[in-house]
C-alpha cells in the first residue's frame, strides 16, 4: 500500500513540475528584437497570446499596421507561426519557429522570395509588464 501511495505522490509531483515548466515557458507577451542590415536597424515587435493550445498574435509592420499571425502553435516550449505581408502587390510569407526559455525567445524566420529561401536568426526578449516589474 505504501508503495502505491509513493508512486502516486511521485506522479503528482512530476505533473506539477511539468505544469510549472509550461507556465514558465508560456509565450504570452510582447517580444522585441533588433533587425536590419548594416547600420540600418529597427525594433521588431511581436505580440503573442496562448489560450489553452491555441497561439494567436500579431506583428506590427510598416506604418505600425498590425498583421495577424496564422497557423500558430505552441507545444513543449516551442512556438511556430506564419506572418504574411503584401509588398508591391506580392504576398510574402515568413515562417517562424523557435523555443521559449523564460523571457527569451530564440527563433528562426524563413522567407522565400523569387524562389530563394532567406533565413534569419532571432533572439527576442519579452517586455516586462508592470506586474512583473513589481516582483
C-alpha atoms as a PDB file:
ATOM      1  CA  UNK A   1       0.000   0.000   0.000  1.00  0.00           C
ATOM      2  CA  UNK A   2       2.840   2.409   0.838  1.00  0.00           C
ATOM      3  CA  UNK A   3       4.459   1.655  -2.492  1.00  0.00           C
ATOM      4  CA  UNK A   4       1.283   2.610  -4.368  1.00  0.00           C
ATOM      5  CA  UNK A   5       0.989   5.798  -2.316  1.00  0.00           C
ATOM      6  CA  UNK A   6       4.638   6.692  -3.017  1.00  0.00           C
ATOM      7  CA  UNK A   7       4.206   6.063  -6.733  1.00  0.00           C
ATOM      8  CA  UNK A   8       1.084   8.231  -6.742  1.00  0.00           C
ATOM      9  CA  UNK A   9       2.873  11.085  -4.964  1.00  0.00           C
ATOM     10  CA  UNK A  10       5.827  10.954  -7.375  1.00  0.00           C
ATOM     11  CA  UNK A  11       3.427  11.092 -10.330  1.00  0.00           C
ATOM     12  CA  UNK A  12       1.546  14.014  -8.805  1.00  0.00           C
ATOM     13  CA  UNK A  13       4.745  15.962  -8.145  1.00  0.00           C
ATOM     14  CA  UNK A  14       6.020  15.283 -11.659  1.00  0.00           C
ATOM     15  CA  UNK A  15       2.739  16.646 -13.030  1.00  0.00           C
ATOM     16  CA  UNK A  16       3.146  19.856 -11.020  1.00  0.00           C
ATOM     17  CA  UNK A  17       6.745  20.243 -12.236  1.00  0.00           C
ATOM     18  CA  UNK A  18       5.645  19.823 -15.862  1.00  0.00           C
ATOM     19  CA  UNK A  19       2.867  22.372 -15.409  1.00  0.00           C
ATOM     20  CA  UNK A  20       5.335  24.833 -13.841  1.00  0.00           C
ATOM     21  CA  UNK A  21       7.702  24.398 -16.828  1.00  0.00           C
ATOM     22  CA  UNK A  22       4.884  25.101 -19.311  1.00  0.00           C
ATOM     23  CA  UNK A  23       3.862  28.184 -17.290  1.00  0.00           C
ATOM     24  CA  UNK A  24       7.482  29.424 -17.240  1.00  0.00           C
ATOM     25  CA  UNK A  25       7.720  28.910 -20.997  1.00  0.00           C
ATOM     26  CA  UNK A  26       4.291  30.379 -21.797  1.00  0.00           C
ATOM     27  CA  UNK A  27       4.870  32.547 -24.914  1.00  0.00           C
ATOM     28  CA  UNK A  28       2.185  35.092 -23.972  1.00  0.00           C
ATOM     29  CA  UNK A  29       3.552  38.626 -24.003  1.00  0.00           C
ATOM     30  CA  UNK A  30       5.192  41.291 -26.110  1.00  0.00           C
ATOM     31  CA  UNK A  31       8.544  40.299 -27.607  1.00  0.00           C
ATOM     32  CA  UNK A  32      11.101  42.661 -29.168  1.00  0.00           C
ATOM     33  CA  UNK A  33      14.313  42.309 -31.161  1.00  0.00           C
ATOM     34  CA  UNK A  34      16.550  44.336 -33.468  1.00  0.00           C
ATOM     35  CA  UNK A  35      16.532  43.611 -37.190  1.00  0.00           C
ATOM     36  CA  UNK A  36      18.056  45.227 -40.216  1.00  0.00           C
ATOM     37  CA  UNK A  37      21.072  45.371 -42.408  1.00  0.00           C
ATOM     38  CA  UNK A  38      24.329  47.185 -41.683  1.00  0.00           C
ATOM     39  CA  UNK A  39      23.733  50.442 -39.831  1.00  0.00           C
ATOM     40  CA  UNK A  40      20.008  50.466 -40.585  1.00  0.00           C
ATOM     41  CA  UNK A  41      18.343  48.845 -37.572  1.00  0.00           C
ATOM     42  CA  UNK A  42      14.767  48.790 -36.414  1.00  0.00           C
ATOM     43  CA  UNK A  43      12.983  47.273 -33.464  1.00  0.00           C
ATOM     44  CA  UNK A  44      10.569  44.486 -34.336  1.00  0.00           C
ATOM     45  CA  UNK A  45       7.633  43.776 -32.035  1.00  0.00           C
ATOM     46  CA  UNK A  46       5.697  40.520 -31.765  1.00  0.00           C
ATOM     47  CA  UNK A  47       2.621  40.107 -29.578  1.00  0.00           C
ATOM     48  CA  UNK A  48       1.660  36.548 -28.657  1.00  0.00           C
ATOM     49  CA  UNK A  49      -1.206  35.112 -26.630  1.00  0.00           C
ATOM     50  CA  UNK A  50      -1.647  31.489 -25.633  1.00  0.00           C
ATOM     51  CA  UNK A  51      -5.204  30.342 -24.957  1.00  0.00           C
ATOM     52  CA  UNK A  52      -5.145  26.653 -23.987  1.00  0.00           C
ATOM     53  CA  UNK A  53      -3.325  25.153 -27.001  1.00  0.00           C
ATOM     54  CA  UNK A  54      -4.087  27.943 -29.499  1.00  0.00           C
ATOM     55  CA  UNK A  55      -1.422  30.562 -30.208  1.00  0.00           C
ATOM     56  CA  UNK A  56      -2.607  33.897 -31.617  1.00  0.00           C
ATOM     57  CA  UNK A  57      -0.983  37.278 -32.002  1.00  0.00           C
ATOM     58  CA  UNK A  58       0.208  39.996 -34.312  1.00  0.00           C
ATOM     59  CA  UNK A  59       3.310  41.691 -35.600  1.00  0.00           C
ATOM     60  CA  UNK A  60       3.211  45.396 -36.459  1.00  0.00           C
ATOM     61  CA  UNK A  61       4.800  46.222 -39.784  1.00  0.00           C
ATOM     62  CA  UNK A  62       5.314  49.399 -41.758  1.00  0.00           C
ATOM     63  CA  UNK A  63       3.267  52.342 -40.513  1.00  0.00           C
ATOM     64  CA  UNK A  64       2.507  50.237 -37.407  1.00  0.00           C
ATOM     65  CA  UNK A  65      -0.132  48.231 -39.282  1.00  0.00           C
ATOM     66  CA  UNK A  66      -0.905  45.106 -37.251  1.00  0.00           C
ATOM     67  CA  UNK A  67      -0.531  41.865 -39.186  1.00  0.00           C
ATOM     68  CA  UNK A  68      -2.138  38.843 -37.551  1.00  0.00           C
ATOM     69  CA  UNK A  69      -0.099  35.676 -37.242  1.00  0.00           C
ATOM     70  CA  UNK A  70      -1.506  32.466 -38.730  1.00  0.00           C
ATOM     71  CA  UNK A  71      -1.014  28.748 -38.105  1.00  0.00           C
ATOM     72  CA  UNK A  72       0.126  29.487 -34.527  1.00  0.00           C
ATOM     73  CA  UNK A  73       1.086  26.503 -32.379  1.00  0.00           C
ATOM     74  CA  UNK A  74       2.775  26.010 -29.013  1.00  0.00           C
ATOM     75  CA  UNK A  75       3.922  22.656 -27.689  1.00  0.00           C
ATOM     76  CA  UNK A  76       6.721  21.616 -25.337  1.00  0.00           C
ATOM     77  CA  UNK A  77       8.066  25.167 -25.136  1.00  0.00           C
ATOM     78  CA  UNK A  78       8.214  25.561 -28.928  1.00  0.00           C
ATOM     79  CA  UNK A  79       6.331  28.142 -30.967  1.00  0.00           C
ATOM     80  CA  UNK A  80       5.567  28.096 -34.675  1.00  0.00           C
ATOM     81  CA  UNK A  81       3.573  30.592 -36.728  1.00  0.00           C
ATOM     82  CA  UNK A  82       3.492  32.449 -40.034  1.00  0.00           C
ATOM     83  CA  UNK A  83       3.176  36.120 -40.964  1.00  0.00           C
ATOM     84  CA  UNK A  84       2.020  37.078 -44.470  1.00  0.00           C
ATOM     85  CA  UNK A  85       2.515  40.630 -45.712  1.00  0.00           C
ATOM     86  CA  UNK A  86       1.847  42.214 -49.061  1.00  0.00           C
ATOM     87  CA  UNK A  87       4.702  44.136 -50.681  1.00  0.00           C
ATOM     88  CA  UNK A  88       4.329  45.792 -54.057  1.00  0.00           C
ATOM     89  CA  UNK A  89       1.334  43.630 -54.881  1.00  0.00           C
ATOM     90  CA  UNK A  90       3.085  40.387 -53.931  1.00  0.00           C
ATOM     91  CA  UNK A  91       2.284  38.351 -50.813  1.00  0.00           C
ATOM     92  CA  UNK A  92       5.338  37.286 -48.844  1.00  0.00           C
ATOM     93  CA  UNK A  93       5.068  34.743 -46.023  1.00  0.00           C
ATOM     94  CA  UNK A  94       7.655  34.302 -43.294  1.00  0.00           C
ATOM     95  CA  UNK A  95       7.503  31.116 -41.233  1.00  0.00           C
ATOM     96  CA  UNK A  96       8.821  31.359 -37.688  1.00  0.00           C
ATOM     97  CA  UNK A  97       9.863  28.512 -35.395  1.00  0.00           C
ATOM     98  CA  UNK A  98      11.525  28.779 -32.041  1.00  0.00           C
ATOM     99  CA  UNK A  99      11.820  27.912 -28.401  1.00  0.00           C
ATOM    100  CA  UNK A 100      10.781  29.889 -25.340  1.00  0.00           C
ATOM    101  CA  UNK A 101      13.146  29.909 -22.378  1.00  0.00           C
ATOM    102  CA  UNK A 102      11.757  32.184 -19.683  1.00  0.00           C
ATOM    103  CA  UNK A 103      11.894  35.725 -21.086  1.00  0.00           C
ATOM    104  CA  UNK A 104      13.951  34.781 -24.158  1.00  0.00           C
ATOM    105  CA  UNK A 105      12.540  33.526 -27.444  1.00  0.00           C
ATOM    106  CA  UNK A 106      15.072  32.140 -29.904  1.00  0.00           C
ATOM    107  CA  UNK A 107      13.589  31.708 -33.371  1.00  0.00           C
ATOM    108  CA  UNK A 108      14.388  31.242 -36.993  1.00  0.00           C
ATOM    109  CA  UNK A 109      12.414  33.146 -39.605  1.00  0.00           C
ATOM    110  CA  UNK A 110      12.333  31.689 -43.104  1.00  0.00           C
ATOM    111  CA  UNK A 111      11.093  33.628 -46.132  1.00  0.00           C
ATOM    112  CA  UNK A 112      11.050  32.519 -49.751  1.00  0.00           C
ATOM    113  CA  UNK A 113      11.484  35.331 -52.274  1.00  0.00           C
ATOM    114  CA  UNK A 114      11.856  34.705 -56.004  1.00  0.00           C
ATOM    115  CA  UNK A 115      12.493  31.016 -55.360  1.00  0.00           C
ATOM    116  CA  UNK A 116      15.284  31.706 -52.866  1.00  0.00           C
ATOM    117  CA  UNK A 117      14.980  30.971 -49.169  1.00  0.00           C
ATOM    118  CA  UNK A 118      16.247  33.568 -46.737  1.00  0.00           C
ATOM    119  CA  UNK A 119      16.751  32.662 -43.133  1.00  0.00           C
ATOM    120  CA  UNK A 120      17.217  34.927 -40.156  1.00  0.00           C
ATOM    121  CA  UNK A 121      18.180  34.043 -36.597  1.00  0.00           C
ATOM    122  CA  UNK A 122      16.245  35.944 -33.950  1.00  0.00           C
ATOM    123  CA  UNK A 123      16.700  36.347 -30.218  1.00  0.00           C
ATOM    124  CA  UNK A 124      13.727  38.242 -28.821  1.00  0.00           C
ATOM    125  CA  UNK A 125      13.264  39.449 -25.259  1.00  0.00           C
ATOM    126  CA  UNK A 126       9.915  39.605 -23.521  1.00  0.00           C
ATOM    127  CA  UNK A 127       8.905  43.089 -22.420  1.00  0.00           C
ATOM    128  CA  UNK A 128       8.412  43.312 -18.702  1.00  0.00           C
ATOM    129  CA  UNK A 129       4.841  44.073 -17.711  1.00  0.00           C
ATOM    130  CA  UNK A 130       4.024  46.318 -14.763  1.00  0.00           C
ATOM    131  CA  UNK A 131       3.046  43.216 -12.802  1.00  0.00           C
ATOM    132  CA  UNK A 132       6.433  41.561 -13.431  1.00  0.00           C
ATOM    133  CA  UNK A 133       8.371  44.771 -12.735  1.00  0.00           C
ATOM    134  CA  UNK A 134       6.915  44.941  -9.222  1.00  0.00           C
ATOM    135  CA  UNK A 135       8.202  41.483  -8.299  1.00  0.00           C
END
